[in-house]
Structures are given as structure tokens and as C-alpha cells.
């Protein structure tokens, strides 16, 4: 089974530090996604 990845809205600044801290503690990769990426994906 592939390792889990957490995707976080990059604009969600109140939780970014907490997500990074918890992910590091559990060895989980975090990807911060800017809103522009979501908009481009929805348009395609």
C-alpha cells in the first residue's frame, strides 16, 4: 500500500503549522496546494 499523502489548501494558514507538525511526527508527506491549482484542474 502506498504511503499516505495529506493535501492541504495552501490558503488554510491557521492549520498549516499544525498539519506539518503532526505529519512529521507520523512520517506522512504533506502537499500544500494553492487555490490556483484547484481552479486550473476544475477548468480542464
PDB file of N, CA and C in Angstrom:
ATOM      1  N   UNK A   1       0.855  -1.167   0.000  1.00  0.00           N
ATOM      2  CA  UNK A   1       0.000   0.000   0.000  1.00  0.00           C
ATOM      3  C   UNK A   1       0.909   1.240   0.000  1.00  0.00           C
ATOM      4  N   UNK A   2       0.585   2.225  -0.864  1.00  0.00           N
ATOM      5  CA  UNK A   2       1.411   3.440  -0.899  1.00  0.00           C
ATOM      6  C   UNK A   2       1.257   4.260   0.379  1.00  0.00           C
ATOM      7  N   UNK A   3       2.302   5.010   0.683  1.00  0.00           N
ATOM      8  CA  UNK A   3       2.278   5.867   1.878  1.00  0.00           C
ATOM      9  C   UNK A   3       1.216   6.945   1.708  1.00  0.00           C
ATOM     10  N   UNK A   4       0.531   7.297   2.782  1.00  0.00           N
ATOM     11  CA  UNK A   4      -0.498   8.333   2.685  1.00  0.00           C
ATOM     12  C   UNK A   4       0.118   9.707   2.443  1.00  0.00           C
ATOM     13  N   UNK A   5      -0.628  10.553   1.746  1.00  0.00           N
ATOM     14  CA  UNK A   5      -0.230  11.934   1.497  1.00  0.00           C
ATOM     15  C   UNK A   5      -1.395  12.819   1.911  1.00  0.00           C
ATOM     16  N   UNK A   6      -1.096  13.870   2.644  1.00  0.00           N
ATOM     17  CA  UNK A   6      -2.121  14.820   3.059  1.00  0.00           C
ATOM     18  C   UNK A   6      -2.048  16.023   2.130  1.00  0.00           C
ATOM     19  N   UNK A   7      -3.169  16.383   1.524  1.00  0.00           N
ATOM     20  CA  UNK A   7      -3.247  17.577   0.679  1.00  0.00           C
ATOM     21  C   UNK A   7      -3.964  18.657   1.467  1.00  0.00           C
ATOM     22  N   UNK A   8      -3.348  19.841   1.548  1.00  0.00           N
ATOM     23  CA  UNK A   8      -3.896  20.935   2.343  1.00  0.00           C
ATOM     24  C   UNK A   8      -4.016  22.179   1.483  1.00  0.00           C
ATOM     25  N   UNK A   9      -5.129  22.865   1.593  1.00  0.00           N
ATOM     26  CA  UNK A   9      -5.312  24.145   0.922  1.00  0.00           C
ATOM     27  C   UNK A   9      -4.227  25.092   1.436  1.00  0.00           C
ATOM     28  N   UNK A  10      -3.399  25.599   0.551  1.00  0.00           N
ATOM     29  CA  UNK A  10      -2.283  26.453   0.954  1.00  0.00           C
ATOM     30  C   UNK A  10      -2.753  27.753   1.597  1.00  0.00           C
ATOM     31  N   UNK A  11      -3.999  28.115   1.364  1.00  0.00           N
ATOM     32  CA  UNK A  11      -4.542  29.327   1.973  1.00  0.00           C
ATOM     33  C   UNK A  11      -5.066  29.073   3.386  1.00  0.00           C
ATOM     34  N   UNK A  12      -5.023  27.829   3.824  1.00  0.00           N
ATOM     35  CA  UNK A  12      -5.539  27.479   5.151  1.00  0.00           C
ATOM     36  C   UNK A  12      -4.473  27.729   6.212  1.00  0.00           C
ATOM     37  N   UNK A  13      -3.976  28.939   6.255  1.00  0.00           N
ATOM     38  CA  UNK A  13      -2.842  29.262   7.116  1.00  0.00           C
ATOM     39  C   UNK A  13      -3.028  28.928   8.593  1.00  0.00           C
ATOM     40  N   UNK A  14      -4.232  28.992   9.159  1.00  0.00           N
ATOM     41  CA  UNK A  14      -4.351  28.661  10.592  1.00  0.00           C
ATOM     42  C   UNK A  14      -3.970  27.212  10.920  1.00  0.00           C
ATOM     43  N   UNK A  15      -4.071  26.313   9.960  1.00  0.00           N
ATOM     44  CA  UNK A  15      -3.792  24.909  10.266  1.00  0.00           C
ATOM     45  C   UNK A  15      -2.489  24.392   9.673  1.00  0.00           C
ATOM     46  N   UNK A  16      -1.832  25.171   8.834  1.00  0.00           N
ATOM     47  CA  UNK A  16      -0.634  24.673   8.152  1.00  0.00           C
ATOM     48  C   UNK A  16       0.449  24.221   9.133  1.00  0.00           C
ATOM     49  N   UNK A  17       0.743  25.017  10.120  1.00  0.00           N
ATOM     50  CA  UNK A  17       1.800  24.654  11.067  1.00  0.00           C
ATOM     51  C   UNK A  17       1.441  23.384  11.839  1.00  0.00           C
ATOM     52  N   UNK A  18       0.194  23.267  12.231  1.00  0.00           N
ATOM     53  CA  UNK A  18      -0.248  22.081  12.978  1.00  0.00           C
ATOM     54  C   UNK A  18      -0.190  20.835  12.099  1.00  0.00           C
ATOM     55  N   UNK A  19      -0.622  20.958  10.850  1.00  0.00           N
ATOM     56  CA  UNK A  19      -0.577  19.820   9.922  1.00  0.00           C
ATOM     57  C   UNK A  19       0.865  19.370   9.715  1.00  0.00           C
ATOM     58  N   UNK A  20       1.772  20.318   9.518  1.00  0.00           N
ATOM     59  CA  UNK A  20       3.180  19.973   9.333  1.00  0.00           C
ATOM     60  C   UNK A  20       3.741  19.241  10.556  1.00  0.00           C
ATOM     61  N   UNK A  21       3.397  19.735  11.735  1.00  0.00           N
ATOM     62  CA  UNK A  21       3.898  19.145  12.977  1.00  0.00           C
ATOM     63  C   UNK A  21       3.408  17.700  13.137  1.00  0.00           C
ATOM     64  N   UNK A  22       2.125  17.494  12.928  1.00  0.00           N
ATOM     65  CA  UNK A  22       1.545  16.153  13.103  1.00  0.00           C
ATOM     66  C   UNK A  22       2.052  15.204  12.018  1.00  0.00           C
ATOM     67  N   UNK A  23       2.127  15.696  10.780  1.00  0.00           N
ATOM     68  CA  UNK A  23       2.606  14.852   9.682  1.00  0.00           C
ATOM     69  C   UNK A  23       4.047  14.421   9.914  1.00  0.00           C
ATOM     70  N   UNK A  24       4.877  15.336  10.386  1.00  0.00           N
ATOM     71  CA  UNK A  24       6.270  14.993  10.666  1.00  0.00           C
ATOM     72  C   UNK A  24       6.354  13.944  11.766  1.00  0.00           C
ATOM     73  N   UNK A  25       5.541  14.099  12.779  1.00  0.00           N
ATOM     74  CA  UNK A  25       5.531  13.145  13.894  1.00  0.00           C
ATOM     75  C   UNK A  25       5.178  11.735  13.420  1.00  0.00           C
ATOM     76  N   UNK A  26       4.285  11.651  12.410  1.00  0.00           N
ATOM     77  CA  UNK A  26       3.817  10.344  11.940  1.00  0.00           C
ATOM     78  C   UNK A  26       4.471   9.898  10.631  1.00  0.00           C
ATOM     79  N   UNK A  27       5.404  10.708  10.114  1.00  0.00           N
ATOM     80  CA  UNK A  27       6.109  10.329   8.891  1.00  0.00           C
ATOM     81  C   UNK A  27       5.231  10.359   7.656  1.00  0.00           C
ATOM     82  N   UNK A  28       4.296  11.286   7.609  1.00  0.00           N
ATOM     83  CA  UNK A  28       3.370  11.396   6.480  1.00  0.00           C
ATOM     84  C   UNK A  28       3.750  12.612   5.644  1.00  0.00           C
ATOM     85  N   UNK A  29       3.703  12.466   4.322  1.00  0.00           N
ATOM     86  CA  UNK A  29       4.032  13.560   3.420  1.00  0.00           C
ATOM     87  C   UNK A  29       2.858  14.534   3.321  1.00  0.00           C
ATOM     88  N   UNK A  30       3.177  15.834   3.305  1.00  0.00           N
ATOM     89  CA  UNK A  30       2.150  16.867   3.169  1.00  0.00           C
ATOM     90  C   UNK A  30       2.422  17.659   1.901  1.00  0.00           C
ATOM     91  N   UNK A  31       1.380  17.901   1.120  1.00  0.00           N
ATOM     92  CA  UNK A  31       1.471  18.738  -0.069  1.00  0.00           C
ATOM     93  C   UNK A  31       0.511  19.900   0.098  1.00  0.00           C
ATOM     94  N   UNK A  32       1.046  21.107   0.039  1.00  0.00           N
ATOM     95  CA  UNK A  32       0.205  22.299   0.117  1.00  0.00           C
ATOM     96  C   UNK A  32      -0.170  22.706  -1.294  1.00  0.00           C
ATOM     97  N   UNK A  33      -1.469  22.813  -1.541  1.00  0.00           N
ATOM     98  CA  UNK A  33      -1.983  23.084  -2.878  1.00  0.00           C
ATOM     99  C   UNK A  33      -2.552  24.498  -2.922  1.00  0.00           C
ATOM    100  N   UNK A  34      -2.003  25.359  -3.804  1.00  0.00           N
ATOM    101  CA  UNK A  34      -2.558  26.709  -3.925  1.00  0.00           C
ATOM    102  C   UNK A  34      -3.914  26.667  -4.620  1.00  0.00           C
ATOM    103  N   UNK A  35      -4.759  27.596  -4.315  1.00  0.00           N
ATOM    104  CA  UNK A  35      -6.100  27.638  -4.890  1.00  0.00           C
ATOM    105  C   UNK A  35      -6.058  27.669  -6.412  1.00  0.00           C
ATOM    106  N   UNK A  36      -5.079  28.334  -6.989  1.00  0.00           N
ATOM    107  CA  UNK A  36      -4.974  28.427  -8.447  1.00  0.00           C
ATOM    108  C   UNK A  36      -4.876  27.037  -9.078  1.00  0.00           C
ATOM    109  N   UNK A  37      -4.196  26.105  -8.434  1.00  0.00           N
ATOM    110  CA  UNK A  37      -4.080  24.750  -8.963  1.00  0.00           C
ATOM    111  C   UNK A  37      -5.442  24.062  -9.001  1.00  0.00           C
ATOM    112  N   UNK A  38      -6.251  24.294  -7.994  1.00  0.00           N
ATOM    113  CA  UNK A  38      -7.597  23.710  -7.950  1.00  0.00           C
ATOM    114  C   UNK A  38      -8.464  24.283  -9.069  1.00  0.00           C
ATOM    115  N   UNK A  39      -8.334  25.556  -9.295  1.00  0.00           N
ATOM    116  CA  UNK A  39      -9.138  26.213 -10.342  1.00  0.00           C
ATOM    117  C   UNK A  39      -8.726  25.697 -11.703  1.00  0.00           C
ATOM    118  N   UNK A  40      -7.432  25.579 -11.961  1.00  0.00           N
ATOM    119  CA  UNK A  40      -6.963  25.066 -13.263  1.00  0.00           C
ATOM    120  C   UNK A  40      -7.464  23.645 -13.485  1.00  0.00           C
ATOM    121  N   UNK A  41      -7.422  22.814 -12.456  1.00  0.00           N
ATOM    122  CA  UNK A  41      -7.864  21.427 -12.596  1.00  0.00           C
ATOM    123  C   UNK A  41      -9.354  21.366 -12.900  1.00  0.00           C
ATOM    124  N   UNK A  42     -10.149  22.220 -12.281  1.00  0.00           N
ATOM    125  CA  UNK A  42     -11.589  22.213 -12.484  1.00  0.00           C
ATOM    126  C   UNK A  42     -11.949  22.665 -13.894  1.00  0.00           C
ATOM    127  N   UNK A  43     -11.148  23.530 -14.476  1.00  0.00           N
ATOM    128  CA  UNK A  43     -11.437  24.064 -15.812  1.00  0.00           C
ATOM    129  C   UNK A  43     -11.129  23.045 -16.879  1.00  0.00           C
ATOM    130  N   UNK A  44     -10.140  22.225 -16.678  1.00  0.00           N
ATOM    131  CA  UNK A  44      -9.726  21.252 -17.710  1.00  0.00           C
ATOM    132  C   UNK A  44     -10.745  20.206 -17.956  1.00  0.00           C
TER     133      UNK A  44
END
